[in-house]
Structures are given as structure tokens and as C-alpha cells.
PDB file of N, CA and C in Angstrom:
ATOM      1  N   MET A   1       0.851  -1.211   0.055  1.00  0.00           N
ATOM      2  CA  MET A   1      -0.058   0.050  -0.059  1.00  0.00           C
ATOM      3  C   MET A   1       0.868   1.208   0.000  1.00  0.00           C
ATOM      4  N   THR A   2       0.566   2.141  -0.852  1.00  0.00           N
ATOM      5  CA  THR A   2       1.357   3.327  -1.026  1.00  0.00           C
ATOM      6  C   THR A   2       1.109   4.395   0.068  1.00  0.00           C
ATOM      7  N   SER A   3       1.959   5.418   0.267  1.00  0.00           N
ATOM      8  CA  SER A   3       1.599   6.385   1.330  1.00  0.00           C
ATOM      9  C   SER A   3       0.425   7.218   0.821  1.00  0.00           C
ATOM     10  N   GLU A   4       0.166   7.503  -0.451  1.00  0.00           N
ATOM     11  CA  GLU A   4      -1.081   8.063  -0.926  1.00  0.00           C
ATOM     12  C   GLU A   4      -2.328   7.261  -0.461  1.00  0.00           C
ATOM     13  N   ASP A   5      -2.323   5.946  -0.625  1.00  0.00           N
ATOM     14  CA  ASP A   5      -3.389   5.091  -0.212  1.00  0.00           C
ATOM     15  C   ASP A   5      -3.619   5.192   1.291  1.00  0.00           C
ATOM     16  N   LEU A   6      -2.602   5.097   2.013  1.00  0.00           N
ATOM     17  CA  LEU A   6      -2.678   5.259   3.439  1.00  0.00           C
ATOM     18  C   LEU A   6      -3.279   6.623   3.908  1.00  0.00           C
ATOM     19  N   GLN A   7      -2.794   7.659   3.089  1.00  0.00           N
ATOM     20  CA  GLN A   7      -3.376   8.859   3.462  1.00  0.00           C
ATOM     21  C   GLN A   7      -4.918   9.050   3.163  1.00  0.00           C
ATOM     22  N   VAL A   8      -5.343   8.379   2.120  1.00  0.00           N
ATOM     23  CA  VAL A   8      -6.788   8.439   1.821  1.00  0.00           C
ATOM     24  C   VAL A   8      -7.533   7.673   3.027  1.00  0.00           C
ATOM     25  N   TRP A   9      -6.983   6.551   3.512  1.00  0.00           N
ATOM     26  CA  TRP A   9      -7.612   5.926   4.635  1.00  0.00           C
ATOM     27  C   TRP A   9      -7.538   6.874   5.917  1.00  0.00           C
ATOM     28  N   ALA A  10      -6.368   7.476   6.147  1.00  0.00           N
ATOM     29  CA  ALA A  10      -6.215   8.413   7.254  1.00  0.00           C
ATOM     30  C   ALA A  10      -7.216   9.580   7.330  1.00  0.00           C
ATOM     31  N   ASP A  11      -7.714   9.958   6.113  1.00  0.00           N
ATOM     32  CA  ASP A  11      -8.411  11.184   5.914  1.00  0.00           C
ATOM     33  C   ASP A  11     -10.022  10.656   5.795  1.00  0.00           C
ATOM     34  N   ALA A  12     -10.146   9.440   5.795  1.00  0.00           N
ATOM     35  CA  ALA A  12     -11.592   8.850   5.580  1.00  0.00           C
ATOM     36  C   ALA A  12     -12.489   9.441   6.722  1.00  0.00           C
ATOM     37  N   PRO A  13     -13.721   9.851   6.109  1.00  0.00           N
ATOM     38  CA  PRO A  13     -14.767  10.259   7.045  1.00  0.00           C
ATOM     39  C   PRO A  13     -15.292   9.032   7.800  1.00  0.00           C
ATOM     40  N   SER A  14     -16.032   9.226   8.790  1.00  0.00           N
ATOM     41  CA  SER A  14     -16.652   8.174   9.619  1.00  0.00           C
ATOM     42  C   SER A  14     -17.468   7.197   8.785  1.00  0.00           C
ATOM     43  N   PRO A  15     -17.379   5.947   9.022  1.00  0.00           N
ATOM     44  CA  PRO A  15     -18.217   4.995   8.347  1.00  0.00           C
ATOM     45  C   PRO A  15     -19.805   5.177   8.501  1.00  0.00           C
ATOM     46  N   CYS A  16     -20.110   6.054   9.384  1.00  0.00           N
ATOM     47  CA  CYS A  16     -21.550   6.328   9.689  1.00  0.00           C
ATOM     48  C   CYS A  16     -22.252   6.845   8.445  1.00  0.00           C
ATOM     49  N   VAL A  17     -23.424   6.294   8.105  1.00  0.00           N
ATOM     50  CA  VAL A  17     -24.129   6.823   6.948  1.00  0.00           C
ATOM     51  C   VAL A  17     -25.410   7.541   7.305  1.00  0.00           C
ATOM     52  N   ASP A  18     -25.447   8.024   8.529  1.00  0.00           N
ATOM     53  CA  ASP A  18     -26.448   8.990   8.956  1.00  0.00           C
ATOM     54  C   ASP A  18     -27.905   8.245   9.123  1.00  0.00           C
ATOM     55  N   VAL A  19     -27.944   7.001   9.445  1.00  0.00           N
ATOM     56  CA  VAL A  19     -29.149   6.312   9.848  1.00  0.00           C
ATOM     57  C   VAL A  19     -29.371   6.392  11.357  1.00  0.00           C
ATOM     58  N   CYS A  20     -28.412   6.014  12.162  1.00  0.00           N
ATOM     59  CA  CYS A  20     -28.293   6.208  13.602  1.00  0.00           C
ATOM     60  C   CYS A  20     -29.614   5.670  14.259  1.00  0.00           C
ATOM     61  N   LYS A  21     -29.905   4.379  13.971  1.00  0.00           N
ATOM     62  CA  LYS A  21     -30.904   3.723  14.902  1.00  0.00           C
ATOM     63  C   LYS A  21     -30.168   2.435  15.505  1.00  0.00           C
ATOM     64  N   TYR A  22     -30.230   2.510  16.750  1.00  0.00           N
ATOM     65  CA  TYR A  22     -29.440   1.355  17.411  1.00  0.00           C
ATOM     66  C   TYR A  22     -30.393   0.239  17.810  1.00  0.00           C
ATOM     67  N   LYS A  23     -30.017  -0.965  17.533  1.00  0.00           N
ATOM     68  CA  LYS A  23     -30.845  -1.993  17.796  1.00  0.00           C
ATOM     69  C   LYS A  23     -29.977  -3.258  18.288  1.00  0.00           C
ATOM     70  N   ARG A  24     -29.614  -4.085  17.475  1.00  0.00           N
ATOM     71  CA  ARG A  24     -28.912  -5.429  17.961  1.00  0.00           C
ATOM     72  C   ARG A  24     -27.649  -5.144  18.624  1.00  0.00           C
ATOM     73  N   ALA A  25     -27.563  -5.539  19.897  1.00  0.00           N
ATOM     74  CA  ALA A  25     -26.298  -5.407  20.622  1.00  0.00           C
ATOM     75  C   ALA A  25     -25.853  -3.912  20.715  1.00  0.00           C
ATOM     76  N   GLY A  26     -26.725  -2.952  20.588  1.00  0.00           N
ATOM     77  CA  GLY A  26     -26.271  -1.596  20.615  1.00  0.00           C
ATOM     78  C   GLY A  26     -25.720  -1.156  19.388  1.00  0.00           C
ATOM     79  N   ARG A  27     -25.834  -1.791  18.262  1.00  0.00           N
ATOM     80  CA  ARG A  27     -25.313  -1.463  17.003  1.00  0.00           C
ATOM     81  C   ARG A  27     -26.277  -0.873  16.112  1.00  0.00           C
ATOM     82  N   CYS A  28     -25.782   0.282  15.351  1.00  0.00           N
ATOM     83  CA  CYS A  28     -26.609   1.019  14.403  1.00  0.00           C
ATOM     84  C   CYS A  28     -27.045   0.159  13.254  1.00  0.00           C
ATOM     85  N   VAL A  29     -28.248   0.169  12.835  1.00  0.00           N
ATOM     86  CA  VAL A  29     -28.809  -0.612  11.757  1.00  0.00           C
ATOM     87  C   VAL A  29     -28.106  -0.219  10.417  1.00  0.00           C
ATOM     88  N   GLY A  30     -27.645   1.072  10.338  1.00  0.00           N
ATOM     89  CA  GLY A  30     -27.136   1.596   9.130  1.00  0.00           C
ATOM     90  C   GLY A  30     -25.676   1.171   8.857  1.00  0.00           C
ATOM     91  N   CYS A  31     -24.891   1.322   9.876  1.00  0.00           N
ATOM     92  CA  CYS A  31     -23.522   1.098   9.748  1.00  0.00           C
ATOM     93  C   CYS A  31     -22.897  -0.081  10.662  1.00  0.00           C
ATOM     94  N   MET A  32     -23.694  -0.578  11.469  1.00  0.00           N
ATOM     95  CA  MET A  32     -23.312  -1.731  12.472  1.00  0.00           C
ATOM     96  C   MET A  32     -22.216  -1.133  13.535  1.00  0.00           C
ATOM     97  N   MET A  33     -22.070   0.129  13.575  1.00  0.00           N
ATOM     98  CA  MET A  33     -21.071   0.567  14.714  1.00  0.00           C
ATOM     99  C   MET A  33     -21.973   0.858  16.044  1.00  0.00           C
ATOM    100  N   THR A  34     -21.144   0.666  17.150  1.00  0.00           N
ATOM    101  CA  THR A  34     -21.841   1.082  18.385  1.00  0.00           C
ATOM    102  C   THR A  34     -21.531   2.654  18.524  1.00  0.00           C
ATOM    103  N   LYS A  35     -22.250   3.255  19.581  1.00  0.00           N
ATOM    104  CA  LYS A  35     -22.048   4.653  19.874  1.00  0.00           C
ATOM    105  C   LYS A  35     -20.722   4.926  20.173  1.00  0.00           C
ATOM    106  N   ALA A  36     -20.052   4.079  20.930  1.00  0.00           N
ATOM    107  CA  ALA A  36     -18.637   4.193  21.333  1.00  0.00           C
ATOM    108  C   ALA A  36     -17.687   4.243  20.152  1.00  0.00           C
ATOM    109  N   GLU A  37     -18.005   3.233  19.155  1.00  0.00           N
ATOM    110  CA  GLU A  37     -17.155   3.259  17.982  1.00  0.00           C
ATOM    111  C   GLU A  37     -17.287   4.503  17.106  1.00  0.00           C
ATOM    112  N   LYS A  38     -18.433   4.988  17.173  1.00  0.00           N
ATOM    113  CA  LYS A  38     -18.723   6.235  16.319  1.00  0.00           C
ATOM    114  C   LYS A  38     -17.986   7.290  16.993  1.00  0.00           C
ATOM    115  N   ASP A  39     -18.057   7.430  18.223  1.00  0.00           N
ATOM    116  CA  ASP A  39     -17.321   8.420  18.915  1.00  0.00           C
ATOM    117  C   ASP A  39     -15.812   8.527  18.841  1.00  0.00           C
ATOM    118  N   SER A  40     -15.283   7.285  18.764  1.00  0.00           N
ATOM    119  CA  SER A  40     -13.900   6.994  18.785  1.00  0.00           C
ATOM    120  C   SER A  40     -13.256   7.050  17.343  1.00  0.00           C
ATOM    121  N   PHE A  41     -14.090   6.987  16.365  1.00  0.00           N
ATOM    122  CA  PHE A  41     -13.504   6.781  15.063  1.00  0.00           C
ATOM    123  C   PHE A  41     -12.615   7.931  14.558  1.00  0.00           C
ATOM    124  N   PRO A  42     -12.820   9.185  14.904  1.00  0.00           N
ATOM    125  CA  PRO A  42     -11.848  10.284  14.471  1.00  0.00           C
ATOM    126  C   PRO A  42     -10.494  10.128  15.092  1.00  0.00           C
ATOM    127  N   ARG A  43     -10.534   9.447  16.192  1.00  0.00           N
ATOM    128  CA  ARG A  43      -9.222   9.210  16.832  1.00  0.00           C
ATOM    129  C   ARG A  43      -8.666   7.833  16.822  1.00  0.00           C
ATOM    130  N   SER A  44      -9.133   7.102  15.792  1.00  0.00           N
ATOM    131  CA  SER A  44      -8.904   5.557  15.690  1.00  0.00           C
ATOM    132  C   SER A  44      -7.533   5.292  15.157  1.00  0.00           C
ATOM    133  N   GLY A  45      -6.702   6.298  14.827  1.00  0.00           N
ATOM    134  CA  GLY A  45      -5.271   6.078  14.364  1.00  0.00           C
ATOM    135  C   GLY A  45      -5.041   6.526  12.858  1.00  0.00           C
ATOM    136  N   ASN A  46      -3.935   5.873  12.476  1.00  0.00           N
ATOM    137  CA  ASN A  46      -3.359   6.280  11.182  1.00  0.00           C
ATOM    138  C   ASN A  46      -4.219   5.601  10.060  1.00  0.00           C
ATOM    139  N   GLY A  47      -3.792   5.663   8.808  1.00  0.00           N
ATOM    140  CA  GLY A  47      -4.394   5.045   7.706  1.00  0.00           C
ATOM    141  C   GLY A  47      -4.608   3.543   7.808  1.00  0.00           C
ATOM    142  N   ALA A  48      -3.523   2.862   8.204  1.00  0.00           N
ATOM    143  CA  ALA A  48      -3.579   1.463   8.418  1.00  0.00           C
ATOM    144  C   ALA A  48      -4.637   1.031   9.476  1.00  0.00           C
ATOM    145  N   ALA A  49      -4.661   1.775  10.480  1.00  0.00           N
ATOM    146  CA  ALA A  49      -5.527   1.449  11.663  1.00  0.00           C
ATOM    147  C   ALA A  49      -7.110   1.599  11.096  1.00  0.00           C
ATOM    148  N   LYS A  50      -7.224   2.736  10.408  1.00  0.00           N
ATOM    149  CA  LYS A  50      -8.605   3.003   9.878  1.00  0.00           C
ATOM    150  C   LYS A  50      -8.926   2.111   8.815  1.00  0.00           C
ATOM    151  N   LYS A  51      -8.116   1.631   8.034  1.00  0.00           N
ATOM    152  CA  LYS A  51      -8.353   0.562   6.998  1.00  0.00           C
ATOM    153  C   LYS A  51      -8.823  -0.762   7.718  1.00  0.00           C
ATOM    154  N   GLN A  52      -8.128  -1.146   8.802  1.00  0.00           N
ATOM    155  CA  GLN A  52      -8.550  -2.271   9.599  1.00  0.00           C
ATOM    156  C   GLN A  52      -9.834  -2.053  10.222  1.00  0.00           C
ATOM    157  N   PHE A  53     -10.184  -0.923  10.666  1.00  0.00           N
ATOM    158  CA  PHE A  53     -11.531  -0.586  11.290  1.00  0.00           C
ATOM    159  C   PHE A  53     -12.576  -0.892  10.196  1.00  0.00           C
ATOM    160  N   PHE A  54     -12.322  -0.440   8.946  1.00  0.00           N
ATOM    161  CA  PHE A  54     -13.446  -0.555   7.908  1.00  0.00           C
ATOM    162  C   PHE A  54     -13.447  -2.021   7.502  1.00  0.00           C
ATOM    163  N   GLU A  55     -12.357  -2.696   7.497  1.00  0.00           N
ATOM    164  CA  GLU A  55     -12.456  -4.206   7.277  1.00  0.00           C
ATOM    165  C   GLU A  55     -13.240  -5.037   8.323  1.00  0.00           C
ATOM    166  N   THR A  56     -13.030  -4.582   9.563  1.00  0.00           N
ATOM    167  CA  THR A  56     -13.760  -5.165  10.661  1.00  0.00           C
ATOM    168  C   THR A  56     -15.216  -4.881  10.511  1.00  0.00           C
ATOM    169  N   LEU A  57     -15.577  -3.595  10.146  1.00  0.00           N
ATOM    170  CA  LEU A  57     -16.945  -3.272   9.965  1.00  0.00           C
ATOM    171  C   LEU A  57     -17.525  -4.046   8.785  1.00  0.00           C
ATOM    172  N   LEU A  58     -16.899  -4.273   7.668  1.00  0.00           N
ATOM    173  CA  LEU A  58     -17.399  -4.990   6.500  1.00  0.00           C
ATOM    174  C   LEU A  58     -17.736  -6.419   7.008  1.00  0.00           C
ATOM    175  N   ALA A  59     -16.755  -7.079   7.783  1.00  0.00           N
ATOM    176  CA  ALA A  59     -16.944  -8.294   8.266  1.00  0.00           C
ATOM    177  C   ALA A  59     -18.091  -8.421   9.057  1.00  0.00           C
ATOM    178  N   ARG A  60     -18.340  -7.479   9.979  1.00  0.00           N
ATOM    179  CA  ARG A  60     -19.558  -7.416  10.809  1.00  0.00           C
ATOM    180  C   ARG A  60     -20.904  -7.370  10.044  1.00  0.00           C
ATOM    181  N   LEU A  61     -20.844  -6.588   8.987  1.00  0.00           N
ATOM    182  CA  LEU A  61     -21.954  -6.526   8.196  1.00  0.00           C
ATOM    183  C   LEU A  61     -22.370  -7.772   7.501  1.00  0.00           C
ATOM    184  N   GLN A  62     -21.303  -8.515   7.114  1.00  0.00           N
ATOM    185  CA  GLN A  62     -21.617  -9.833   6.583  1.00  0.00           C
ATOM    186  C   GLN A  62     -22.071 -10.850   7.507  1.00  0.00           C
ATOM    187  N   THR A  63     -21.448 -10.872   8.748  1.00  0.00           N
ATOM    188  CA  THR A  63     -21.831 -11.681   9.859  1.00  0.00           C
ATOM    189  C   THR A  63     -23.310 -11.534  10.244  1.00  0.00           C
ATOM    190  N   GLU A  64     -23.813 -10.271  10.144  1.00  0.00           N
ATOM    191  CA  GLU A  64     -25.174  -9.875  10.514  1.00  0.00           C
ATOM    192  C   GLU A  64     -26.072 -10.182   9.397  1.00  0.00           C
ATOM    193  N   HIS A  65     -25.671 -10.751   8.348  1.00  0.00           N
ATOM    194  CA  HIS A  65     -26.376 -11.060   7.117  1.00  0.00           C
ATOM    195  C   HIS A  65     -27.016  -9.769   6.345  1.00  0.00           C
ATOM    196  N   LYS A  66     -26.210  -8.723   6.433  1.00  0.00           N
ATOM    197  CA  LYS A  66     -26.465  -7.612   5.738  1.00  0.00           C
ATOM    198  C   LYS A  66     -25.619  -7.416   4.585  1.00  0.00           C
ATOM    199  N   ASN A  67     -26.131  -7.033   3.513  1.00  0.00           N
ATOM    200  CA  ASN A  67     -25.360  -6.861   2.181  1.00  0.00           C
ATOM    201  C   ASN A  67     -24.454  -5.689   2.427  1.00  0.00           C
ATOM    202  N   PRO A  68     -23.114  -5.821   2.524  1.00  0.00           N
ATOM    203  CA  PRO A  68     -22.269  -4.630   2.664  1.00  0.00           C
ATOM    204  C   PRO A  68     -22.160  -3.748   1.396  1.00  0.00           C
ATOM    205  N   ALA A  69     -22.733  -4.138   0.277  1.00  0.00           N
ATOM    206  CA  ALA A  69     -22.825  -3.305  -0.865  1.00  0.00           C
ATOM    207  C   ALA A  69     -23.876  -2.151  -0.718  1.00  0.00           C
ATOM    208  N   PHE A  70     -24.970  -2.347   0.064  1.00  0.00           N
ATOM    209  CA  PHE A  70     -25.787  -1.257   0.392  1.00  0.00           C
ATOM    210  C   PHE A  70     -25.131  -0.222   1.316  1.00  0.00           C
ATOM    211  N   TRP A  71     -24.363  -0.650   2.272  1.00  0.00           N
ATOM    212  CA  TRP A  71     -23.722   0.281   3.222  1.00  0.00           C
ATOM    213  C   TRP A  71     -22.644   1.018   2.245  1.00  0.00           C
ATOM    214  N   ALA A  72     -21.864   0.283   1.419  1.00  0.00           N
ATOM    215  CA  ALA A  72     -20.840   0.963   0.584  1.00  0.00           C
ATOM    216  C   ALA A  72     -21.341   2.018  -0.394  1.00  0.00           C
ATOM    217  N   ILE A  73     -22.601   1.639  -0.940  1.00  0.00           N
ATOM    218  CA  ILE A  73     -23.189   2.752  -1.783  1.00  0.00           C
ATOM    219  C   ILE A  73     -23.472   3.951  -1.002  1.00  0.00           C
ATOM    220  N   ALA A  74     -24.137   3.820   0.180  1.00  0.00           N
ATOM    221  CA  ALA A  74     -24.347   5.055   0.917  1.00  0.00           C
ATOM    222  C   ALA A  74     -23.120   5.771   1.375  1.00  0.00           C
ATOM    223  N   TYR A  75     -22.027   4.983   1.784  1.00  0.00           N
ATOM    224  CA  TYR A  75     -20.856   5.559   2.145  1.00  0.00           C
ATOM    225  C   TYR A  75     -20.189   6.353   0.939  1.00  0.00           C
ATOM    226  N   ARG A  76     -20.161   5.775  -0.143  1.00  0.00           N
ATOM    227  CA  ARG A  76     -19.599   6.474  -1.247  1.00  0.00           C
ATOM    228  C   ARG A  76     -20.305   7.735  -1.635  1.00  0.00           C
ATOM    229  N   ARG A  77     -21.680   7.727  -1.528  1.00  0.00           N
ATOM    230  CA  ARG A  77     -22.502   8.894  -1.593  1.00  0.00           C
ATOM    231  C   ARG A  77     -22.083   9.927  -0.672  1.00  0.00           C
ATOM    232  N   LYS A  78     -21.834   9.537   0.571  1.00  0.00           N
ATOM    233  CA  LYS A  78     -21.514  10.562   1.703  1.00  0.00           C
ATOM    234  C   LYS A  78     -20.114  11.131   1.386  1.00  0.00           C
ATOM    235  N   CYS A  79     -19.219  10.299   1.000  1.00  0.00           N
ATOM    236  CA  CYS A  79     -17.848  10.886   0.555  1.00  0.00           C
ATOM    237  C   CYS A  79     -17.934  11.975  -0.578  1.00  0.00           C
ATOM    238  N   GLU A  80     -18.798  11.556  -1.570  1.00  0.00           N
ATOM    239  CA  GLU A  80     -18.907  12.421  -2.764  1.00  0.00           C
ATOM    240  C   GLU A  80     -19.610  13.863  -2.305  1.00  0.00           C
ATOM    241  N   GLN A  81     -20.669  13.704  -1.389  1.00  0.00           N
ATOM    242  CA  GLN A  81     -21.309  14.899  -0.990  1.00  0.00           C
ATOM    243  C   GLN A  81     -20.285  15.689  -0.123  1.00  0.00           C
ATOM    244  N   ASP A  82     -19.420  15.037   0.644  1.00  0.00           N
ATOM    245  CA  ASP A  82     -18.374  15.805   1.488  1.00  0.00           C
ATOM    246  C   ASP A  82     -17.225  16.341   0.629  1.00  0.00           C
ATOM    247  N   GLY A  83     -17.138  15.831  -0.586  1.00  0.00           N
ATOM    248  CA  GLY A  83     -16.026  16.143  -1.441  1.00  0.00           C
ATOM    249  C   GLY A  83     -14.731  15.641  -1.131  1.00  0.00           C
ATOM    250  N   VAL A  84     -14.699  14.452  -0.463  1.00  0.00           N
ATOM    251  CA  VAL A  84     -13.496  13.802  -0.207  1.00  0.00           C
ATOM    252  C   VAL A  84     -13.310  12.477  -1.052  1.00  0.00           C
ATOM    253  N   ALA A  85     -12.056  12.032  -1.070  1.00  0.00           N
ATOM    254  CA  ALA A  85     -11.759  10.816  -1.680  1.00  0.00           C
ATOM    255  C   ALA A  85     -12.368   9.637  -0.848  1.00  0.00           C
ATOM    256  N   CYS A  86     -13.021   8.723  -1.593  1.00  0.00           N
ATOM    257  CA  CYS A  86     -13.595   7.559  -0.826  1.00  0.00           C
ATOM    258  C   CYS A  86     -12.545   6.449  -0.672  1.00  0.00           C
ATOM    259  N   PRO A  87     -12.247   6.021   0.542  1.00  0.00           N
ATOM    260  CA  PRO A  87     -11.253   4.979   0.708  1.00  0.00           C
ATOM    261  C   PRO A  87     -11.684   3.634   0.207  1.00  0.00           C
ATOM    262  N   LEU A  88     -13.004   3.417  -0.013  1.00  0.00           N
ATOM    263  CA  LEU A  88     -13.371   2.307  -0.481  1.00  0.00           C
ATOM    264  C   LEU A  88     -12.948   2.061  -1.945  1.00  0.00           C
ATOM    265  N   ASP A  89     -12.627   3.169  -2.538  1.00  0.00           N
ATOM    266  CA  ASP A  89     -12.229   3.041  -3.988  1.00  0.00           C
ATOM    267  C   ASP A  89     -10.701   2.484  -4.041  1.00  0.00           C
ATOM    268  N   GLU A  90     -10.068   2.470  -2.790  1.00  0.00           N
ATOM    269  CA  GLU A  90      -8.797   1.671  -2.606  1.00  0.00           C
ATOM    270  C   GLU A  90      -9.174   0.329  -2.343  1.00  0.00           C
ATOM    271  N   SER A  91      -8.292  -0.589  -2.458  1.00  0.00           N
ATOM    272  CA  SER A  91      -8.668  -1.981  -2.063  1.00  0.00           C
ATOM    273  C   SER A  91      -8.996  -2.187  -0.690  1.00  0.00           C
ATOM    274  N   VAL A  92      -9.990  -2.775  -0.323  1.00  0.00           N
ATOM    275  CA  VAL A  92     -10.421  -2.923   1.091  1.00  0.00           C
ATOM    276  C   VAL A  92     -10.017  -4.359   1.369  1.00  0.00           C
TER     277      VAL A  92
END
């Protein structure tokens, strides 16, 4: 992974897709994060750490039998609206 790729991950906006309804095990139905994870994401580390955070989140979506593609579409839209590079366009 190049330093440019890592910078895209480091600058990634929160995986939150602005649904924010908490149900199963205190996880949001939109992004599967807990409130604590949402609060801690901005401080979750460098590009490699944030990339790992996203990989864990995608695995959680699959485990919960949610199609990660629906979340990815909403997240890409969020990045586009925010005018930032979407880290999902890098290899996850």
C-alpha cells in the first residue's frame, strides 16, 4: 500500500451513513457501529488502523447477514457529498 493510499484511509470520514438507529447489541442498523465506535472513529489512528476498522466493519455487516454493498453505496455517496476521496475506492 502506498503512502497516498494510506493518506486516503487516514482522511476517511466516519463509516456512519446517518441512519443512527440502534438495535442489535447496541449497534446501528445503518453502519453496524456502536455509539462508542462512532465517537472514537476520528481518533482511531493512522491510515492502516482506519483501514483495519473498515475491514472489521465490513466483516460485521456480513456476519449480521446484511449486504455490505448497500452500506458501501451510501458511504460512497457520503464521501462524494463531502467532497473527499472515498477510501473504498482503494482496495479494502
